[in-house]
Each structure stands twice: as structure tokens, then as C-alpha cells.
């Protein structure tokens, strides 16, 4: 939990630095949120993103920088039988990641496709806790990894200031040790507010 607080603080500080140093003449702020679905457990979660346009190439293209974060959580109940005695065990899995990326996009009518590349930190935690006989933990793995990602997506520009978006992201962890996930795919759907 301590690493989670540090990561959230780093995410906020990055956002504030971007606000202070962005050129106000070309900066366009985007704040978004949405649902994330990834290819490994836990598979469903939520994501936040903060974007700034740092370069505008009229009339169609732009370059943006993004800070983003996602959180995933899942609890499953399992029953084990050993020597005729049944025990219920709750397995908790959670993961969060924060990162930064550069993305470039074009404006093609109501659809604005974009693509980008970025780096970040992923923290995964897998715990099994016994709840019937005693509340102590049986097993736990907590690991943090650097990752790089490639992504592409699009925004729909139908309503001013409110842009629904969809995005596909390929994530690769750098040297995972205790978890068996190296490559991951993620699909995101949500809304970004631009002003």
C-alpha cells in the first residue's frame, strides 16, 4: 500500500509539472477516465489519464504527452478439502500501474486516430487468506516491474469538450521474477474531457 501512495503522489506531481511548464498558447488539457480490460487476471479495472497537447501541426496533426494510471482487483473464493476437512480460502489479486507516454494523432472528421509509446511501473499483488479457521495469510506475492507499451486508438469528436475514446495497448514487463506475466494486451473504453 505504501508503494501505491508513492506512485499516486508521483502521478500527481507529474501532472502539476506539466500544468506549470506547458505553453499556454498551444496546450490543450485532457482529463479522462474509463474501463480497462486486460488479458490476465485480474482482468477488469479502471483507468485515469491526464493529457497535454505540446505541439500542434495545423491543420490536422498534433503531439501530446500523457500521464496515466490503472487499477485492477479481483477476489475469488475457493474450497479445499484435506483429510476430509473443508477449508474456504479467499484469493485476492490486485494490480496497478502508472506511466507516461508520447502520442501523435490526426483529425479525420469526427474520428481522431492516434498512436503512441510509453514507459511505466506495474505493481502486482497476489494474496491468499484463510477466513474460516484463522485470518492469517497463507501465501502472498508482491512484485513491481518496469514496462514499456505501444498503443493506438481513437476519439470521437461529436460533442464539444466531451470525447469518447477507445484504445488498444500492448504492454511488456521488463524482467518479471515471481509472476508469470510478461506480455499483456489491454483494451480501454471511456470519456476524456478536453478544454
N, C-alpha and C. Protein backbone atom coordinates (compact mmCIF):
# COMPACT_ATOMS: atom_id res chain seq x y z
N UNK A 1 0.82 -1.19 0.00
CA UNK A 1 0.00 0.00 0.00
C UNK A 1 0.87 1.26 0.00
N UNK A 2 2.06 1.16 0.65
CA UNK A 2 2.98 2.30 0.69
C UNK A 2 3.44 2.67 -0.72
N UNK A 3 3.75 1.63 -1.55
CA UNK A 3 4.19 1.89 -2.92
C UNK A 3 3.06 2.53 -3.72
N UNK A 4 1.82 2.13 -3.43
CA UNK A 4 0.68 2.70 -4.14
C UNK A 4 0.58 4.20 -3.87
N UNK A 5 0.75 4.60 -2.61
CA UNK A 5 0.69 6.03 -2.26
C UNK A 5 1.82 6.81 -2.92
N UNK A 6 3.01 6.22 -2.96
CA UNK A 6 4.14 6.89 -3.61
C UNK A 6 3.87 7.05 -5.10
N UNK A 7 3.30 6.03 -5.73
CA UNK A 7 3.01 6.10 -7.16
C UNK A 7 1.95 7.15 -7.46
N UNK A 8 0.92 7.24 -6.63
CA UNK A 8 -0.12 8.25 -6.82
C UNK A 8 0.47 9.65 -6.66
N UNK A 9 1.32 9.84 -5.67
CA UNK A 9 1.99 11.15 -5.49
C UNK A 9 2.85 11.50 -6.70
N UNK A 10 3.59 10.54 -7.23
CA UNK A 10 4.43 10.79 -8.41
C UNK A 10 3.56 11.14 -9.61
N UNK A 11 2.42 10.47 -9.75
CA UNK A 11 1.48 10.75 -10.84
C UNK A 11 0.96 12.19 -10.73
N UNK A 12 0.58 12.62 -9.53
CA UNK A 12 0.06 13.98 -9.33
C UNK A 12 1.14 15.04 -9.55
N UNK A 13 2.35 14.79 -9.08
CA UNK A 13 3.44 15.74 -9.27
C UNK A 13 3.77 15.90 -10.75
N UNK A 14 3.75 14.79 -11.49
CA UNK A 14 3.99 14.86 -12.93
C UNK A 14 2.92 15.72 -13.60
N UNK A 15 1.69 15.53 -13.21
CA UNK A 15 0.60 16.33 -13.78
C UNK A 15 0.74 17.81 -13.48
N UNK A 16 1.10 18.14 -12.23
CA UNK A 16 1.29 19.54 -11.87
C UNK A 16 2.46 20.17 -12.62
N UNK A 17 3.55 19.42 -12.80
CA UNK A 17 4.69 19.94 -13.56
C UNK A 17 4.29 20.23 -15.00
N UNK A 18 3.49 19.35 -15.57
CA UNK A 18 3.04 19.59 -16.94
C UNK A 18 2.16 20.82 -17.03
N UNK A 19 1.33 21.05 -16.02
CA UNK A 19 0.49 22.25 -15.99
C UNK A 19 1.33 23.52 -15.94
N UNK A 20 2.37 23.52 -15.13
CA UNK A 20 3.20 24.71 -14.94
C UNK A 20 4.03 25.00 -16.17
N UNK A 21 4.63 23.98 -16.78
CA UNK A 21 5.59 24.20 -17.86
C UNK A 21 4.99 24.15 -19.27
N UNK A 22 3.71 23.83 -19.40
CA UNK A 22 3.12 23.77 -20.73
C UNK A 22 2.96 25.18 -21.29
N UNK A 23 3.19 25.32 -22.58
CA UNK A 23 3.00 26.59 -23.26
C UNK A 23 1.50 26.82 -23.39
N UNK A 24 0.98 27.85 -22.75
CA UNK A 24 -0.46 28.07 -22.70
C UNK A 24 -1.05 28.38 -24.08
N UNK A 25 -0.23 28.84 -25.03
CA UNK A 25 -0.75 29.15 -26.35
C UNK A 25 -1.16 27.91 -27.14
N UNK A 26 -0.51 26.78 -26.92
CA UNK A 26 -0.83 25.57 -27.69
C UNK A 26 -1.30 24.42 -26.80
N UNK A 27 -1.28 24.58 -25.49
CA UNK A 27 -1.63 23.47 -24.61
C UNK A 27 -3.13 23.24 -24.60
N UNK A 28 -3.50 22.01 -24.76
CA UNK A 28 -4.88 21.60 -24.61
C UNK A 28 -4.91 20.50 -23.57
N UNK A 29 -5.65 20.72 -22.52
CA UNK A 29 -5.70 19.78 -21.40
C UNK A 29 -6.79 18.75 -21.66
N UNK A 30 -6.49 17.50 -21.34
CA UNK A 30 -7.47 16.43 -21.41
C UNK A 30 -7.42 15.60 -20.14
N UNK A 31 -8.58 15.43 -19.51
CA UNK A 31 -8.69 14.61 -18.31
C UNK A 31 -9.74 13.54 -18.60
N UNK A 32 -9.32 12.26 -18.48
CA UNK A 32 -10.23 11.18 -18.84
C UNK A 32 -10.23 10.03 -17.86
N UNK A 33 -11.26 9.20 -17.99
CA UNK A 33 -11.40 8.00 -17.17
C UNK A 33 -12.16 6.98 -17.98
N UNK A 34 -11.97 5.71 -17.62
CA UNK A 34 -12.67 4.67 -18.34
C UNK A 34 -12.46 3.29 -17.74
N UNK A 35 -12.99 2.31 -18.43
CA UNK A 35 -12.86 0.91 -18.04
C UNK A 35 -11.72 0.29 -18.81
N UNK A 36 -10.92 -0.54 -18.13
CA UNK A 36 -9.82 -1.25 -18.75
C UNK A 36 -10.07 -2.74 -18.65
N UNK A 37 -9.84 -3.44 -19.74
CA UNK A 37 -9.93 -4.90 -19.76
C UNK A 37 -8.58 -5.40 -20.25
N UNK A 38 -7.96 -6.31 -19.47
CA UNK A 38 -6.66 -6.82 -19.88
C UNK A 38 -6.70 -8.34 -20.00
N UNK A 39 -5.64 -8.91 -20.55
CA UNK A 39 -5.64 -10.32 -20.91
C UNK A 39 -5.30 -11.26 -19.76
N UNK A 40 -4.90 -10.76 -18.60
CA UNK A 40 -4.58 -11.63 -17.47
C UNK A 40 -5.41 -11.24 -16.25
N UNK A 41 -5.43 -12.12 -15.24
CA UNK A 41 -6.18 -11.85 -14.02
C UNK A 41 -5.39 -10.91 -13.12
N UNK A 42 -6.03 -10.01 -12.43
CA UNK A 42 -7.42 -9.61 -12.59
C UNK A 42 -7.63 -8.88 -13.91
N UNK A 43 -8.73 -9.17 -14.58
CA UNK A 43 -8.90 -8.73 -15.95
C UNK A 43 -9.67 -7.42 -16.10
N UNK A 44 -10.44 -7.00 -15.12
CA UNK A 44 -11.25 -5.79 -15.24
C UNK A 44 -10.80 -4.74 -14.23
N UNK A 45 -10.76 -3.49 -14.70
CA UNK A 45 -10.33 -2.41 -13.82
C UNK A 45 -10.72 -1.05 -14.35
N UNK A 46 -10.13 -0.03 -13.76
CA UNK A 46 -10.43 1.36 -14.09
C UNK A 46 -9.14 2.10 -14.41
N UNK A 47 -9.25 3.08 -15.29
CA UNK A 47 -8.08 3.85 -15.67
C UNK A 47 -8.34 5.34 -15.64
N UNK A 48 -7.29 6.11 -15.37
CA UNK A 48 -7.32 7.57 -15.41
C UNK A 48 -6.22 8.04 -16.33
N UNK A 49 -6.41 9.19 -16.96
CA UNK A 49 -5.39 9.76 -17.84
C UNK A 49 -5.45 11.27 -17.81
N UNK A 50 -4.29 11.87 -17.95
CA UNK A 50 -4.14 13.32 -18.00
C UNK A 50 -3.25 13.62 -19.20
N UNK A 51 -3.76 14.39 -20.17
CA UNK A 51 -3.03 14.65 -21.41
C UNK A 51 -2.86 16.14 -21.64
N UNK A 52 -1.77 16.48 -22.33
CA UNK A 52 -1.49 17.86 -22.75
C UNK A 52 -0.98 17.86 -24.17
N UNK A 53 -1.54 18.73 -24.96
CA UNK A 53 -1.02 18.89 -26.32
C UNK A 53 0.18 19.81 -26.23
N UNK A 54 1.34 19.32 -26.68
CA UNK A 54 2.57 20.12 -26.59
C UNK A 54 2.98 20.68 -27.95
N UNK A 55 2.41 20.14 -29.04
CA UNK A 55 2.76 20.64 -30.37
C UNK A 55 1.55 20.47 -31.28
N UNK A 56 1.17 21.53 -31.95
CA UNK A 56 0.06 21.50 -32.88
C UNK A 56 0.60 21.75 -34.28
N UNK A 57 0.36 20.82 -35.18
CA UNK A 57 0.79 20.96 -36.56
C UNK A 57 -0.45 21.16 -37.44
N UNK A 58 -0.83 22.41 -37.66
CA UNK A 58 -2.06 22.68 -38.41
C UNK A 58 -1.99 22.10 -39.82
N UNK A 59 -3.08 21.69 -40.39
CA UNK A 59 -4.41 21.72 -39.81
C UNK A 59 -4.84 20.41 -39.17
N UNK A 60 -4.05 19.32 -39.31
CA UNK A 60 -4.57 18.01 -38.92
C UNK A 60 -3.88 17.32 -37.76
N UNK A 61 -2.58 17.51 -37.55
CA UNK A 61 -1.84 16.65 -36.62
C UNK A 61 -1.49 17.37 -35.32
N UNK A 62 -1.23 16.58 -34.27
CA UNK A 62 -0.76 17.13 -33.00
C UNK A 62 0.06 16.09 -32.25
N UNK A 63 0.85 16.56 -31.29
CA UNK A 63 1.69 15.71 -30.45
C UNK A 63 1.31 16.00 -29.00
N UNK A 64 1.08 14.93 -28.22
CA UNK A 64 0.65 15.08 -26.83
C UNK A 64 1.55 14.27 -25.92
N UNK A 65 1.55 14.64 -24.65
CA UNK A 65 2.19 13.86 -23.60
C UNK A 65 1.09 13.44 -22.63
N UNK A 66 1.23 12.22 -22.07
CA UNK A 66 0.18 11.67 -21.22
C UNK A 66 0.76 11.06 -19.96
N UNK A 67 0.09 11.28 -18.85
CA UNK A 67 0.33 10.54 -17.60
C UNK A 67 -0.93 9.69 -17.38
N UNK A 68 -0.74 8.43 -17.03
CA UNK A 68 -1.90 7.54 -16.90
C UNK A 68 -1.70 6.57 -15.75
N UNK A 69 -2.80 6.04 -15.26
CA UNK A 69 -2.78 5.04 -14.21
C UNK A 69 -3.99 4.13 -14.31
N UNK A 70 -3.83 2.88 -13.88
CA UNK A 70 -4.92 1.90 -13.90
C UNK A 70 -4.89 1.08 -12.62
N UNK A 71 -6.07 0.60 -12.21
CA UNK A 71 -6.18 -0.25 -11.02
C UNK A 71 -7.08 -1.43 -11.33
N UNK A 72 -6.64 -2.64 -10.97
CA UNK A 72 -7.39 -3.88 -11.20
C UNK A 72 -7.47 -4.63 -9.88
N UNK A 73 -8.62 -5.28 -9.62
CA UNK A 73 -8.78 -6.04 -8.38
C UNK A 73 -9.79 -7.16 -8.60
N UNK A 74 -9.55 -8.30 -7.91
CA UNK A 74 -10.46 -9.44 -8.03
C UNK A 74 -10.30 -10.32 -6.80
N UNK A 75 -11.42 -10.84 -6.29
CA UNK A 75 -11.42 -11.77 -5.16
C UNK A 75 -12.20 -13.02 -5.57
N UNK A 76 -11.59 -14.18 -5.36
CA UNK A 76 -12.26 -15.46 -5.67
C UNK A 76 -12.26 -16.33 -4.42
N UNK A 77 -13.38 -17.05 -4.22
CA UNK A 77 -13.48 -17.98 -3.10
C UNK A 77 -13.24 -19.39 -3.61
N UNK A 78 -12.34 -20.11 -2.94
CA UNK A 78 -12.04 -21.50 -3.30
C UNK A 78 -12.21 -22.38 -2.07
N UNK A 79 -12.64 -23.61 -2.30
CA UNK A 79 -12.81 -24.57 -1.22
C UNK A 79 -11.81 -25.71 -1.44
N UNK A 80 -11.01 -25.98 -0.41
CA UNK A 80 -10.03 -27.06 -0.45
C UNK A 80 -10.41 -28.11 0.58
N UNK A 81 -10.24 -29.38 0.23
CA UNK A 81 -10.51 -30.47 1.15
C UNK A 81 -9.21 -31.24 1.39
N UNK A 82 -8.78 -31.29 2.67
CA UNK A 82 -7.57 -32.01 3.05
C UNK A 82 -7.93 -32.92 4.22
N UNK A 83 -7.71 -34.24 4.07
CA UNK A 83 -8.02 -35.25 5.10
C UNK A 83 -9.47 -35.16 5.56
N UNK A 84 -10.39 -34.89 4.64
CA UNK A 84 -11.81 -34.84 4.97
C UNK A 84 -12.28 -33.51 5.55
N UNK A 85 -11.39 -32.57 5.77
CA UNK A 85 -11.77 -31.25 6.31
C UNK A 85 -11.78 -30.23 5.18
N UNK A 86 -12.87 -29.49 5.07
CA UNK A 86 -13.00 -28.46 4.03
C UNK A 86 -12.61 -27.10 4.60
N UNK A 87 -11.89 -26.37 3.80
CA UNK A 87 -11.46 -25.03 4.18
C UNK A 87 -11.75 -24.08 3.03
N UNK A 88 -12.36 -22.96 3.37
CA UNK A 88 -12.61 -21.93 2.36
C UNK A 88 -11.46 -20.93 2.38
N UNK A 89 -10.96 -20.61 1.20
CA UNK A 89 -9.85 -19.68 1.08
C UNK A 89 -10.24 -18.61 0.06
N UNK A 90 -10.02 -17.37 0.42
CA UNK A 90 -10.26 -16.26 -0.49
C UNK A 90 -8.94 -15.82 -1.10
N UNK A 91 -8.87 -15.85 -2.42
CA UNK A 91 -7.69 -15.40 -3.14
C UNK A 91 -7.93 -13.99 -3.64
N UNK A 92 -7.06 -13.10 -3.27
CA UNK A 92 -7.18 -11.70 -3.69
C UNK A 92 -6.04 -11.37 -4.65
N UNK A 93 -6.40 -10.79 -5.78
CA UNK A 93 -5.41 -10.35 -6.75
C UNK A 93 -5.66 -8.88 -7.04
N UNK A 94 -4.61 -8.10 -7.03
CA UNK A 94 -4.74 -6.70 -7.39
C UNK A 94 -3.50 -6.26 -8.14
N UNK A 95 -3.67 -5.26 -8.97
CA UNK A 95 -2.56 -4.71 -9.74
C UNK A 95 -2.86 -3.26 -10.05
N UNK A 96 -1.84 -2.45 -10.07
CA UNK A 96 -2.00 -1.08 -10.55
C UNK A 96 -0.73 -0.70 -11.30
N UNK A 97 -0.90 0.26 -12.17
CA UNK A 97 0.25 0.74 -12.91
C UNK A 97 0.11 2.24 -13.13
N UNK A 98 1.24 2.90 -13.22
CA UNK A 98 1.30 4.32 -13.58
C UNK A 98 2.38 4.47 -14.64
N UNK A 99 2.19 5.43 -15.52
CA UNK A 99 3.17 5.60 -16.57
C UNK A 99 3.01 6.92 -17.29
N UNK A 100 3.88 7.14 -18.25
CA UNK A 100 3.86 8.34 -19.08
C UNK A 100 4.09 7.91 -20.52
N UNK A 101 3.58 8.70 -21.46
CA UNK A 101 3.68 8.33 -22.87
C UNK A 101 3.64 9.56 -23.75
N UNK A 102 4.18 9.40 -24.95
CA UNK A 102 4.03 10.38 -26.02
C UNK A 102 3.07 9.79 -27.04
N UNK A 103 2.16 10.62 -27.57
CA UNK A 103 1.25 10.15 -28.59
C UNK A 103 1.06 11.21 -29.67
N UNK A 104 0.87 10.75 -30.87
CA UNK A 104 0.64 11.63 -32.01
C UNK A 104 -0.69 11.25 -32.64
N UNK A 105 -1.45 12.25 -33.06
CA UNK A 105 -2.75 11.98 -33.65
C UNK A 105 -3.04 12.87 -34.83
N UNK A 106 -4.07 12.49 -35.56
CA UNK A 106 -4.55 13.28 -36.69
C UNK A 106 -6.05 13.47 -36.54
N UNK A 107 -6.57 14.50 -37.18
CA UNK A 107 -8.00 14.79 -37.13
C UNK A 107 -8.62 14.46 -38.48
N UNK A 108 -9.42 13.43 -38.51
CA UNK A 108 -10.08 12.99 -39.74
C UNK A 108 -11.58 13.05 -39.54
N UNK A 109 -12.16 14.21 -39.66
CA UNK A 109 -13.59 14.37 -39.46
C UNK A 109 -13.96 14.14 -38.01
N UNK A 110 -14.99 13.33 -37.73
CA UNK A 110 -15.40 13.11 -36.34
C UNK A 110 -14.51 12.13 -35.58
N UNK A 111 -13.60 11.42 -36.27
CA UNK A 111 -12.72 10.45 -35.62
C UNK A 111 -11.30 11.00 -35.61
N UNK A 112 -10.66 10.95 -34.46
CA UNK A 112 -9.28 11.39 -34.31
C UNK A 112 -8.42 10.20 -33.91
N UNK A 113 -7.85 9.46 -34.87
CA UNK A 113 -6.98 8.34 -34.52
C UNK A 113 -5.64 8.83 -33.98
N UNK A 114 -5.04 8.00 -33.11
CA UNK A 114 -3.74 8.33 -32.53
C UNK A 114 -2.96 7.06 -32.25
N UNK A 115 -1.66 7.22 -32.05
CA UNK A 115 -0.78 6.11 -31.68
C UNK A 115 0.31 6.67 -30.79
N UNK A 116 0.91 5.80 -29.96
CA UNK A 116 1.93 6.29 -29.04
C UNK A 116 2.78 5.19 -28.44
N UNK A 117 3.75 5.64 -27.64
CA UNK A 117 4.67 4.75 -26.95
C UNK A 117 4.95 5.33 -25.58
N UNK A 118 5.17 4.45 -24.58
CA UNK A 118 5.41 4.95 -23.23
C UNK A 118 6.11 3.96 -22.33
N UNK A 119 6.43 4.43 -21.12
CA UNK A 119 7.07 3.65 -20.07
C UNK A 119 6.25 3.79 -18.79
N UNK A 120 6.42 2.82 -17.88
CA UNK A 120 5.70 2.91 -16.62
C UNK A 120 6.17 1.88 -15.62
N UNK A 121 5.47 1.85 -14.47
CA UNK A 121 5.74 0.91 -13.39
C UNK A 121 4.45 0.15 -13.10
N UNK A 122 4.56 -1.18 -13.04
CA UNK A 122 3.43 -2.06 -12.74
C UNK A 122 3.67 -2.71 -11.39
N UNK A 123 2.66 -2.71 -10.53
CA UNK A 123 2.75 -3.38 -9.23
C UNK A 123 1.63 -4.41 -9.15
N UNK A 124 2.00 -5.67 -8.98
CA UNK A 124 1.02 -6.76 -8.88
C UNK A 124 1.14 -7.42 -7.52
N UNK A 125 -0.01 -7.75 -6.94
CA UNK A 125 -0.04 -8.38 -5.63
C UNK A 125 -1.04 -9.52 -5.65
N UNK A 126 -0.59 -10.72 -5.26
CA UNK A 126 -1.44 -11.90 -5.20
C UNK A 126 -1.39 -12.43 -3.77
N UNK A 127 -2.55 -12.51 -3.13
CA UNK A 127 -2.60 -12.97 -1.75
C UNK A 127 -3.68 -14.02 -1.60
N UNK A 128 -3.43 -15.01 -0.74
CA UNK A 128 -4.42 -16.00 -0.36
C UNK A 128 -4.61 -15.90 1.14
N UNK A 129 -5.83 -15.69 1.59
CA UNK A 129 -6.09 -15.51 3.02
C UNK A 129 -7.10 -16.55 3.49
N UNK A 130 -6.82 -17.18 4.65
CA UNK A 130 -7.75 -18.15 5.24
C UNK A 130 -8.72 -17.37 6.12
N UNK A 131 -10.03 -17.64 5.97
CA UNK A 131 -11.02 -16.90 6.75
C UNK A 131 -11.83 -17.77 7.69
N UNK A 132 -11.81 -19.08 7.53
CA UNK A 132 -12.64 -19.94 8.36
C UNK A 132 -11.96 -20.23 9.69
N UNK A 133 -10.76 -20.76 9.68
CA UNK A 133 -10.10 -21.16 10.91
C UNK A 133 -9.37 -19.99 11.58
N UNK A 134 -8.64 -19.20 10.80
CA UNK A 134 -7.95 -18.04 11.35
C UNK A 134 -7.66 -17.05 10.20
N UNK A 135 -7.60 -15.78 10.50
CA UNK A 135 -7.49 -14.79 9.42
C UNK A 135 -6.06 -14.53 8.94
N UNK A 136 -5.12 -15.42 9.22
CA UNK A 136 -3.75 -15.16 8.76
C UNK A 136 -3.57 -15.56 7.30
N UNK A 137 -2.59 -14.99 6.67
CA UNK A 137 -2.35 -15.23 5.25
C UNK A 137 -1.56 -16.52 5.04
N UNK A 138 -1.91 -17.23 3.97
CA UNK A 138 -1.20 -18.46 3.64
C UNK A 138 -0.09 -18.21 2.63
N UNK A 139 -0.33 -17.31 1.69
CA UNK A 139 0.62 -17.12 0.61
C UNK A 139 0.47 -15.71 0.06
N UNK A 140 1.56 -15.11 -0.36
CA UNK A 140 1.48 -13.78 -0.95
C UNK A 140 2.67 -13.47 -1.82
N UNK A 141 2.42 -12.80 -2.93
CA UNK A 141 3.48 -12.36 -3.83
C UNK A 141 3.21 -10.90 -4.16
N UNK A 142 4.21 -10.06 -3.99
CA UNK A 142 4.10 -8.65 -4.35
C UNK A 142 5.32 -8.30 -5.19
N UNK A 143 5.08 -7.79 -6.39
CA UNK A 143 6.19 -7.51 -7.29
C UNK A 143 5.93 -6.23 -8.08
N UNK A 144 6.98 -5.45 -8.25
CA UNK A 144 6.92 -4.25 -9.08
C UNK A 144 7.87 -4.40 -10.25
N UNK A 145 7.42 -3.98 -11.42
CA UNK A 145 8.21 -4.12 -12.64
C UNK A 145 8.09 -2.86 -13.49
N UNK A 146 9.14 -2.56 -14.20
CA UNK A 146 9.07 -1.55 -15.25
C UNK A 146 8.42 -2.18 -16.47
N UNK A 147 7.74 -1.36 -17.27
CA UNK A 147 7.17 -1.87 -18.51
C UNK A 147 7.27 -0.80 -19.59
N UNK A 148 7.20 -1.24 -20.83
CA UNK A 148 7.04 -0.34 -21.96
C UNK A 148 5.76 -0.75 -22.68
N UNK A 149 5.15 0.20 -23.38
CA UNK A 149 3.91 -0.11 -24.07
C UNK A 149 3.79 0.64 -25.39
N UNK A 150 3.09 0.03 -26.31
CA UNK A 150 2.69 0.62 -27.58
C UNK A 150 1.17 0.64 -27.60
N UNK A 151 0.58 1.69 -28.14
CA UNK A 151 -0.88 1.73 -28.17
C UNK A 151 -1.37 2.52 -29.38
N UNK A 152 -2.61 2.25 -29.73
CA UNK A 152 -3.30 3.04 -30.74
C UNK A 152 -4.77 3.08 -30.37
N UNK A 153 -5.45 4.10 -30.85
CA UNK A 153 -6.86 4.25 -30.52
C UNK A 153 -7.47 5.40 -31.30
N UNK A 154 -8.60 5.84 -30.82
CA UNK A 154 -9.30 6.94 -31.47
C UNK A 154 -10.26 7.62 -30.53
N UNK A 155 -10.52 8.89 -30.82
CA UNK A 155 -11.52 9.68 -30.10
C UNK A 155 -12.62 10.05 -31.06
N UNK A 156 -13.84 10.08 -30.56
CA UNK A 156 -14.98 10.54 -31.35
C UNK A 156 -15.27 11.99 -30.97
N UNK A 157 -15.28 12.85 -31.95
CA UNK A 157 -15.47 14.27 -31.71
C UNK A 157 -16.87 14.67 -32.15
N UNK A 158 -17.87 14.25 -31.39
CA UNK A 158 -19.26 14.53 -31.73
C UNK A 158 -19.80 15.68 -30.89
N UNK A 159 -19.44 15.69 -29.60
CA UNK A 159 -19.88 16.73 -28.66
C UNK A 159 -18.67 17.56 -28.27
N UNK A 160 -18.78 18.89 -28.29
CA UNK A 160 -17.63 19.72 -27.87
C UNK A 160 -17.22 19.42 -26.44
N UNK A 161 -15.92 19.36 -26.20
CA UNK A 161 -15.29 19.16 -24.90
C UNK A 161 -15.41 17.74 -24.34
N UNK A 162 -16.35 16.93 -24.82
CA UNK A 162 -16.52 15.56 -24.31
C UNK A 162 -16.22 14.59 -25.45
N UNK A 163 -15.18 13.78 -25.28
CA UNK A 163 -14.72 12.89 -26.35
C UNK A 163 -14.70 11.44 -25.86
N UNK A 164 -15.62 10.60 -26.31
CA UNK A 164 -15.50 9.17 -26.02
C UNK A 164 -14.25 8.62 -26.73
N UNK A 165 -13.56 7.69 -26.09
CA UNK A 165 -12.36 7.13 -26.69
C UNK A 165 -12.35 5.61 -26.57
N UNK A 166 -11.59 4.99 -27.44
CA UNK A 166 -11.30 3.56 -27.38
C UNK A 166 -9.81 3.41 -27.66
N UNK A 167 -9.20 2.40 -27.03
CA UNK A 167 -7.75 2.25 -27.17
C UNK A 167 -7.36 0.80 -26.98
N UNK A 168 -6.38 0.36 -27.78
CA UNK A 168 -5.75 -0.94 -27.62
C UNK A 168 -4.30 -0.69 -27.22
N UNK A 169 -3.84 -1.40 -26.18
CA UNK A 169 -2.47 -1.21 -25.71
C UNK A 169 -1.77 -2.57 -25.54
N UNK A 170 -0.54 -2.65 -26.05
CA UNK A 170 0.30 -3.82 -25.83
C UNK A 170 1.34 -3.44 -24.78
N UNK A 171 1.41 -4.23 -23.70
CA UNK A 171 2.30 -3.94 -22.58
C UNK A 171 3.28 -5.10 -22.43
N UNK A 172 4.56 -4.78 -22.25
CA UNK A 172 5.55 -5.82 -21.97
C UNK A 172 6.33 -5.45 -20.72
N UNK A 173 6.26 -6.34 -19.71
CA UNK A 173 7.01 -6.15 -18.48
C UNK A 173 8.48 -6.42 -18.73
N UNK A 174 9.35 -5.68 -18.04
CA UNK A 174 10.78 -5.86 -18.17
C UNK A 174 11.27 -6.69 -16.98
N UNK A 175 11.70 -7.92 -17.23
CA UNK A 175 12.26 -8.84 -16.23
C UNK A 175 11.35 -9.15 -15.05
N UNK A 176 10.13 -9.71 -15.27
CA UNK A 176 9.34 -10.16 -14.12
C UNK A 176 9.99 -11.36 -13.45
N UNK A 177 9.90 -11.45 -12.12
CA UNK A 177 10.56 -12.52 -11.38
C UNK A 177 9.58 -13.54 -10.82
N UNK A 178 8.62 -13.10 -10.02
CA UNK A 178 7.75 -14.04 -9.31
C UNK A 178 6.39 -14.23 -9.96
N UNK A 179 6.08 -13.46 -10.98
CA UNK A 179 4.79 -13.63 -11.64
C UNK A 179 5.04 -14.13 -13.06
N UNK A 180 4.07 -14.86 -13.59
CA UNK A 180 4.27 -15.49 -14.90
C UNK A 180 3.67 -14.67 -16.03
N UNK A 181 3.56 -13.36 -15.86
CA UNK A 181 3.01 -12.48 -16.88
C UNK A 181 4.16 -11.66 -17.45
N UNK A 182 4.36 -11.71 -18.74
CA UNK A 182 5.37 -10.87 -19.37
C UNK A 182 4.71 -9.92 -20.37
N UNK A 183 3.90 -10.48 -21.26
CA UNK A 183 3.19 -9.68 -22.26
C UNK A 183 1.73 -9.59 -21.88
N UNK A 184 1.14 -8.43 -22.13
CA UNK A 184 -0.26 -8.22 -21.79
C UNK A 184 -0.90 -7.36 -22.85
N UNK A 185 -2.16 -7.63 -23.13
CA UNK A 185 -2.93 -6.78 -24.02
C UNK A 185 -4.03 -6.12 -23.22
N UNK A 186 -4.36 -4.90 -23.59
CA UNK A 186 -5.36 -4.15 -22.84
C UNK A 186 -6.25 -3.37 -23.80
N UNK A 187 -7.54 -3.37 -23.50
CA UNK A 187 -8.50 -2.59 -24.26
C UNK A 187 -9.16 -1.61 -23.30
N UNK A 188 -9.20 -0.34 -23.67
CA UNK A 188 -9.77 0.71 -22.81
C UNK A 188 -10.91 1.41 -23.52
N UNK A 189 -11.96 1.71 -22.77
CA UNK A 189 -13.11 2.47 -23.26
C UNK A 189 -13.45 3.52 -22.21
N UNK A 190 -13.69 4.75 -22.64
CA UNK A 190 -14.02 5.78 -21.66
C UNK A 190 -14.33 7.12 -22.29
N UNK A 191 -14.25 8.15 -21.47
CA UNK A 191 -14.54 9.52 -21.90
C UNK A 191 -13.41 10.41 -21.44
N UNK A 192 -12.99 11.32 -22.33
CA UNK A 192 -11.98 12.32 -21.97
C UNK A 192 -12.59 13.70 -22.17
N UNK A 193 -12.36 14.57 -21.20
CA UNK A 193 -12.85 15.96 -21.27
C UNK A 193 -11.68 16.83 -21.72
N UNK A 194 -11.86 17.58 -22.79
CA UNK A 194 -10.81 18.44 -23.33
C UNK A 194 -11.21 19.90 -23.19
N UNK A 195 -10.28 20.70 -22.67
CA UNK A 195 -10.53 22.15 -22.55
C UNK A 195 -9.24 22.90 -22.68
